[in-house]
Amino acid sequence: MKYRRLGKTDLKVSIVGVGTWQFGGEWGKTYTAQEAAQILEKAKEVGINLIDTAECYGDHLSESLIGQYLKNEKREDWVVATKFGHKFNDLFERDQVWSANQVIKQLENSLKALQTDYIDLYQFHSGSDEYFDNDELWTALDKQIQAGKIRHLGISIGSNENIHQTNNATKVNAKAIQVVYNRLDRKPENEVFPSCQEQDLGVLARVPLASGYLSGKYKPGAEFGQTDVRHRHTDRDDRLKIVEEIKQYEVPKKMDMAQWALAWCLKHPAVTTVIPGCKNVKQVESNTAAVQYISDNHPQAWKDEEEEK
């Protein structure tokens, strides 16, 4: 595994993390605590230390499964990122909860679910600019930093072109941007990434496998069940046709397409880490193998003091 500094923070994060939206039950499978623990244990074994989750992956369900694992772990060995701003009602149904009081209540519920005293990266979760431009919210969150319940703030932008929130990240003391970035969606390269680099913000690339389409496992015409978020994608076949062209013309022969897709993201100088979802232990191992295609000359490459000597 390789590690990078997450923006201006002191966080040393693995360049491949574990995304855990799937633990919330919206990717066609429900998880037991044992199944979630097996995935996280394998992640630890291969050197992954970053877990990304959210309040609304189930009603704190994903966080709870992670918390059941973390209670038996050395907490300092993990970088735990979660989010705020939505309340899960049912599959694919959320309420918007953005007032300062509501968010602080969410924070307390997340801490309880995760069975931890602090969150390493607490992220504004795909909210509108109206919700973002609320000084009362950021003041309340700053007090939680002072209280030791949050180490750092981040912004998970909803639109891949949301330059307003990206440009104002430093102003609200956010030190990382989470954004959809993959070979099928390169919009962040235009404005978001240059702004992140200028401010020295960490970048978490979510959906790096384009909802699994860049895994190379699916062909046009693929169908997904009602509990799988992909059944709602109306452009599914169009995306899969493009994937077939990419596989034919861009992916080196004999190279696993999923590993290629993750390495493709990680080679951009703005990207700190990718956070693909992992449905099982095998996917954790496969995702981690992308590291072999990455060099250490990234602007945020982590160099230990001993190495520097």
Protein backbone atom coordinates (compact mmCIF):
# COMPACT_ATOMS: atom_id res chain seq x y z
CA MET A 1 0.00 0.00 0.00
CA LYS A 2 1.03 3.60 -0.59
CA TYR A 3 -0.07 6.54 1.51
CA ARG A 4 -0.66 10.23 0.90
CA ARG A 5 -1.18 13.30 3.04
CA LEU A 6 -4.82 14.41 2.90
CA GLY A 7 -4.53 18.07 1.96
CA LYS A 8 -3.41 20.35 4.79
CA THR A 9 -4.31 17.77 7.44
CA ASP A 10 -1.98 15.50 9.36
CA LEU A 11 -3.92 12.48 8.13
CA LYS A 12 -1.93 9.75 6.41
CA VAL A 13 -4.42 7.93 4.17
CA SER A 14 -4.07 4.85 2.01
CA ILE A 15 -4.43 5.70 -1.67
CA VAL A 16 -7.17 3.08 -1.88
CA GLY A 17 -9.88 3.29 0.76
CA VAL A 18 -13.12 1.44 1.42
CA GLY A 19 -16.40 3.05 0.40
CA THR A 20 -19.32 1.66 2.41
CA TRP A 21 -22.55 2.85 0.80
CA GLN A 22 -23.20 -0.84 0.06
CA PHE A 23 -23.49 -1.56 3.80
CA GLY A 24 -26.67 0.56 3.79
CA GLY A 25 -28.53 -1.94 1.60
CA GLU A 26 -28.92 0.07 -1.61
CA TRP A 27 -26.59 -2.00 -3.80
CA GLY A 28 -28.68 -5.15 -4.02
CA LYS A 29 -27.47 -6.82 -0.81
CA THR A 30 -27.92 -6.57 2.92
CA TYR A 31 -24.95 -7.16 5.20
CA THR A 32 -24.48 -8.87 8.53
CA ALA A 33 -21.99 -7.51 11.03
CA GLN A 34 -19.78 -10.52 10.30
CA GLU A 35 -19.77 -9.86 6.53
CA ALA A 36 -18.92 -6.19 7.04
CA ALA A 37 -16.17 -7.12 9.51
CA GLN A 38 -14.62 -9.55 7.03
CA ILE A 39 -14.38 -6.79 4.42
CA LEU A 40 -12.83 -4.34 6.89
CA GLU A 41 -10.45 -6.96 8.29
CA LYS A 42 -9.20 -7.74 4.78
CA ALA A 43 -8.81 -3.99 4.19
CA LYS A 44 -6.60 -3.75 7.27
CA GLU A 45 -4.61 -6.78 6.14
CA VAL A 46 -3.73 -5.17 2.79
CA GLY A 47 -2.84 -1.80 4.33
CA ILE A 48 -6.03 0.18 3.81
CA ASN A 49 -6.69 2.61 6.67
CA LEU A 50 -9.44 4.86 5.22
CA ILE A 51 -13.15 4.09 5.64
CA ASP A 52 -15.71 6.40 4.06
CA THR A 53 -19.36 6.21 5.10
CA ALA A 54 -22.37 8.48 5.65
CA GLU A 55 -25.25 9.09 7.98
CA CYS A 56 -27.80 8.11 5.33
CA TYR A 57 -26.36 4.80 4.17
CA GLY A 58 -29.32 3.25 5.88
CA ASP A 59 -30.39 5.09 9.03
CA HIS A 60 -26.81 5.13 10.38
CA LEU A 61 -26.76 1.43 9.40
CA SER A 62 -23.44 1.50 7.56
CA GLU A 63 -21.89 3.44 10.43
CA SER A 64 -23.25 0.89 12.92
CA LEU A 65 -21.70 -2.04 11.05
CA ILE A 66 -18.39 -0.18 10.96
CA GLY A 67 -18.71 0.67 14.64
CA GLN A 68 -19.19 -2.96 15.60
CA TYR A 69 -15.87 -3.68 13.92
CA LEU A 70 -14.02 -0.63 15.22
CA LYS A 71 -14.88 -1.32 18.87
CA ASN A 72 -12.36 -4.17 18.81
CA GLU A 73 -9.72 -2.19 16.91
CA LYS A 74 -7.08 0.39 17.75
CA ARG A 75 -9.03 3.48 16.79
CA GLU A 76 -5.89 5.45 15.90
CA ASP A 77 -5.07 2.92 13.19
CA TRP A 78 -8.06 4.05 11.13
CA VAL A 79 -9.09 7.23 9.34
CA VAL A 80 -12.88 7.37 9.53
CA ALA A 81 -14.74 9.74 7.23
CA THR A 82 -18.49 10.22 7.43
CA LYS A 83 -21.01 12.83 6.28
CA PHE A 84 -24.01 14.89 7.34
CA GLY A 85 -27.08 16.57 5.90
CA HIS A 86 -29.56 13.80 5.05
CA LYS A 87 -31.88 11.54 7.01
CA PHE A 88 -32.61 8.09 5.58
CA ASN A 89 -36.35 7.31 5.37
CA ASP A 90 -36.39 4.33 3.02
CA LEU A 91 -34.36 2.97 0.12
CA PHE A 92 -33.39 5.94 -2.07
CA GLU A 93 -35.53 8.33 0.03
CA ARG A 94 -33.89 11.07 2.13
CA ASP A 95 -34.91 14.14 4.09
CA GLN A 96 -32.75 17.28 4.01
CA VAL A 97 -31.56 18.20 7.52
CA TRP A 98 -29.15 21.13 7.43
CA SER A 99 -29.79 23.40 10.41
CA ALA A 100 -26.94 23.67 12.89
CA ASN A 101 -28.97 21.93 15.60
CA GLN A 102 -29.99 19.08 13.28
CA VAL A 103 -26.42 18.53 12.14
CA ILE A 104 -25.04 18.45 15.69
CA LYS A 105 -27.70 15.85 16.53
CA GLN A 106 -26.59 13.86 13.48
CA LEU A 107 -22.99 14.10 14.63
CA GLU A 108 -23.88 12.66 18.03
CA ASN A 109 -25.80 9.82 16.36
CA SER A 110 -22.87 9.11 14.05
CA LEU A 111 -20.41 9.00 16.96
CA LYS A 112 -22.72 6.60 18.78
CA ALA A 113 -23.17 4.37 15.73
CA LEU A 114 -19.43 4.33 14.97
CA GLN A 115 -18.67 3.65 18.65
CA THR A 116 -15.97 6.30 18.64
CA ASP A 117 -15.21 9.57 20.44
CA TYR A 118 -14.19 11.43 17.28
CA ILE A 119 -14.54 11.51 13.50
CA ASP A 120 -11.42 12.13 11.44
CA LEU A 121 -13.18 13.76 8.47
CA TYR A 122 -16.74 15.11 8.79
CA GLN A 123 -18.14 16.03 5.38
CA PHE A 124 -20.92 18.33 4.17
CA HIS A 125 -22.88 15.81 2.08
CA SER A 126 -24.02 16.95 -1.37
CA GLY A 127 -26.02 19.91 -0.15
CA SER A 128 -27.09 22.97 -2.13
CA ASP A 129 -25.16 26.24 -2.08
CA GLU A 130 -27.98 27.71 -0.01
CA TYR A 131 -27.38 25.17 2.75
CA PHE A 132 -23.63 25.59 2.35
CA ASP A 133 -23.73 29.39 2.80
CA ASN A 134 -24.82 29.15 6.43
CA ASP A 135 -22.30 30.67 8.83
CA GLU A 136 -24.22 29.32 11.83
CA LEU A 137 -23.63 25.75 10.63
CA TRP A 138 -19.88 26.15 10.20
CA THR A 139 -19.56 27.99 13.52
CA ALA A 140 -21.31 25.10 15.27
CA LEU A 141 -19.03 22.59 13.57
CA ASP A 142 -15.95 24.59 14.54
CA LYS A 143 -17.04 24.28 18.17
CA GLN A 144 -17.18 20.51 17.72
CA ILE A 145 -13.60 20.60 16.43
CA GLN A 146 -12.58 22.51 19.54
CA ALA A 147 -14.42 19.91 21.64
CA GLY A 148 -12.40 17.13 19.97
CA LYS A 149 -15.35 15.37 18.35
CA ILE A 150 -14.23 16.26 14.81
CA ARG A 151 -10.62 16.35 13.64
CA HIS A 152 -11.17 17.87 10.20
CA LEU A 153 -13.99 19.08 7.97
CA GLY A 154 -14.57 18.20 4.34
CA ILE A 155 -17.07 18.82 1.55
CA SER A 156 -18.62 16.07 -0.54
CA ILE A 157 -19.85 18.12 -3.49
CA GLY A 158 -23.06 16.98 -5.17
CA SER A 159 -22.27 18.32 -8.62
CA ASN A 160 -18.90 17.50 -10.12
CA GLU A 161 -18.70 21.09 -11.28
CA ASN A 162 -19.62 22.81 -8.00
CA ILE A 163 -16.88 25.39 -7.97
CA HIS A 164 -18.64 27.63 -5.42
CA GLN A 165 -18.28 25.16 -2.58
CA THR A 166 -14.82 24.09 -3.71
CA ASN A 167 -13.53 27.66 -3.92
CA ASN A 168 -14.89 28.44 -0.45
CA ALA A 169 -13.58 25.29 1.23
CA THR A 170 -10.71 27.00 3.03
CA LYS A 171 -13.03 29.79 4.15
CA VAL A 172 -15.19 27.29 6.09
CA ASN A 173 -12.10 25.41 7.33
CA ALA A 174 -12.72 22.38 5.11
CA LYS A 175 -9.54 20.58 4.11
CA ALA A 176 -10.79 17.97 1.66
CA ILE A 177 -13.18 17.67 -1.27
CA GLN A 178 -14.99 14.48 -2.16
CA VAL A 179 -16.15 14.30 -5.77
CA VAL A 180 -17.30 11.80 -8.38
CA TYR A 181 -14.32 11.19 -10.65
CA ASN A 182 -13.71 8.36 -13.06
CA ARG A 183 -12.86 7.68 -16.69
CA LEU A 184 -16.52 8.23 -17.65
CA ASP A 185 -16.80 11.52 -15.77
CA ARG A 186 -13.83 13.87 -16.03
CA LYS A 187 -15.64 17.13 -15.23
CA PRO A 188 -13.66 17.82 -12.02
CA GLU A 189 -10.52 18.26 -14.11
CA ASN A 190 -11.85 21.55 -15.53
CA GLU A 191 -12.26 23.72 -12.42
CA VAL A 192 -12.62 21.67 -9.24
CA PHE A 193 -9.20 20.02 -9.31
CA PRO A 194 -7.25 23.22 -10.08
CA SER A 195 -9.01 24.90 -7.14
CA CYS A 196 -8.17 21.95 -4.88
CA GLN A 197 -4.53 22.10 -5.89
CA GLU A 198 -4.36 25.85 -5.33
CA GLN A 199 -5.78 25.48 -1.79
CA ASP A 200 -3.88 22.23 -1.02
CA LEU A 201 -7.12 20.34 -0.42
CA GLY A 202 -7.18 16.57 -0.23
CA VAL A 203 -9.34 14.90 -2.88
CA LEU A 204 -11.35 11.73 -2.30
CA ALA A 205 -12.49 10.33 -5.65
CA ARG A 206 -15.79 8.58 -5.12
CA VAL A 207 -17.44 6.23 -7.63
CA PRO A 208 -14.03 5.65 -9.27
CA LEU A 209 -15.39 2.54 -10.98
CA ALA A 210 -18.44 4.45 -12.29
CA SER A 211 -20.89 2.44 -10.17
CA GLY A 212 -19.12 -0.76 -11.16
CA TYR A 213 -19.51 -0.22 -14.90
CA LEU A 214 -15.74 0.23 -15.26
CA SER A 215 -15.17 -3.15 -13.67
CA GLY A 216 -15.65 -4.65 -17.12
CA LYS A 217 -18.13 -7.20 -15.74
CA TYR A 218 -21.27 -5.78 -17.34
CA LYS A 219 -22.47 -5.62 -20.95
CA PRO A 220 -25.15 -3.39 -22.52
CA GLY A 221 -28.53 -4.83 -21.54
CA ALA A 222 -27.43 -5.69 -17.98
CA GLU A 223 -30.29 -5.59 -15.49
CA PHE A 224 -30.20 -4.76 -11.77
CA GLY A 225 -32.69 -5.51 -9.00
CA GLN A 226 -35.03 -2.99 -7.36
CA THR A 227 -32.78 -2.72 -4.29
CA ASP A 228 -29.74 -1.86 -6.44
CA VAL A 229 -29.32 1.87 -7.09
CA ARG A 230 -28.18 1.10 -10.63
CA HIS A 231 -31.69 0.07 -11.68
CA ARG A 232 -32.48 3.82 -11.53
CA HIS A 233 -29.78 4.73 -14.09
CA THR A 234 -31.57 5.59 -17.32
CA ASP A 235 -28.32 5.90 -19.29
CA ARG A 236 -26.98 2.51 -18.23
CA ASP A 237 -26.60 1.03 -21.72
CA ASP A 238 -24.99 4.20 -23.09
CA ARG A 239 -22.37 4.09 -20.36
CA LEU A 240 -21.71 0.40 -20.90
CA LYS A 241 -21.20 0.91 -24.63
CA ILE A 242 -18.54 3.53 -23.87
CA VAL A 243 -16.95 1.13 -21.37
CA GLU A 244 -16.61 -1.50 -24.09
CA GLU A 245 -14.76 1.02 -26.28
CA ILE A 246 -12.47 2.02 -23.40
CA LYS A 247 -11.70 -1.62 -22.67
CA GLN A 248 -10.83 -2.23 -26.31
CA TYR A 249 -8.72 0.86 -26.98
CA GLU A 250 -7.32 2.08 -23.63
CA VAL A 251 -6.91 -0.80 -21.18
CA PRO A 252 -3.65 -2.73 -21.72
CA LYS A 253 -4.09 -6.34 -22.69
CA LYS A 254 -4.14 -8.77 -19.75
CA MET A 255 -4.68 -5.89 -17.29
CA ASP A 256 -7.74 -6.06 -15.03
CA MET A 257 -10.08 -3.24 -16.04
CA ALA A 258 -11.13 -2.34 -12.50
CA GLN A 259 -7.50 -2.01 -11.41
CA TRP A 260 -6.78 0.07 -14.50
CA ALA A 261 -9.72 2.37 -13.71
CA LEU A 262 -8.56 2.97 -10.13
CA ALA A 263 -4.96 3.58 -11.20
CA TRP A 264 -6.24 5.98 -13.89
CA CYS A 265 -7.86 8.13 -11.18
CA LEU A 266 -4.89 7.97 -8.82
CA LYS A 267 -2.45 9.23 -11.44
CA HIS A 268 -4.08 12.67 -11.50
CA PRO A 269 -1.92 14.97 -9.34
CA ALA A 270 -4.98 16.38 -7.53
CA VAL A 271 -6.35 13.03 -6.38
CA THR A 272 -5.30 11.82 -2.95
CA THR A 273 -7.27 8.59 -2.71
CA VAL A 274 -10.03 6.55 -4.32
CA ILE A 275 -12.88 5.09 -2.27
CA PRO A 276 -14.48 2.27 -4.26
CA GLY A 277 -17.23 0.23 -2.68
CA CYS A 278 -16.32 -3.37 -1.86
CA LYS A 279 -19.08 -5.97 -1.83
CA ASN A 280 -16.81 -8.78 -0.66
CA VAL A 281 -13.25 -9.67 0.36
CA LYS A 282 -12.22 -10.50 -3.20
CA GLN A 283 -13.10 -6.98 -4.35
CA VAL A 284 -10.97 -5.51 -1.56
CA GLU A 285 -8.01 -7.55 -2.79
CA SER A 286 -8.64 -6.65 -6.42
CA ASN A 287 -8.97 -2.93 -5.70
CA THR A 288 -5.76 -2.92 -3.68
CA ALA A 289 -3.84 -4.48 -6.57
CA ALA A 290 -4.21 -1.19 -8.46
CA VAL A 291 -1.48 0.22 -6.20
CA GLN A 292 1.20 -1.66 -8.14
CA TYR A 293 0.65 0.70 -11.09
CA ILE A 294 1.20 3.87 -9.06
CA SER A 295 4.56 5.60 -8.53
CA ASP A 296 5.54 7.57 -5.41
CA ASN A 297 6.09 10.95 -7.07
CA HIS A 298 2.63 12.33 -6.26
CA PRO A 299 2.49 15.87 -4.75
CA GLN A 300 0.87 14.45 -1.60
CA ALA A 301 3.00 11.33 -1.30
CA TRP A 302 3.58 10.55 2.37
CA LYS A 303 7.20 10.38 3.42
CA ASP A 304 7.91 9.22 6.95
CA GLU A 305 10.60 11.08 8.87
CA GLU A 306 12.71 7.95 8.98
CA GLU A 307 12.52 7.60 5.21
CA GLU A 308 13.56 11.23 4.76
CA LYS A 309 16.65 10.68 6.93
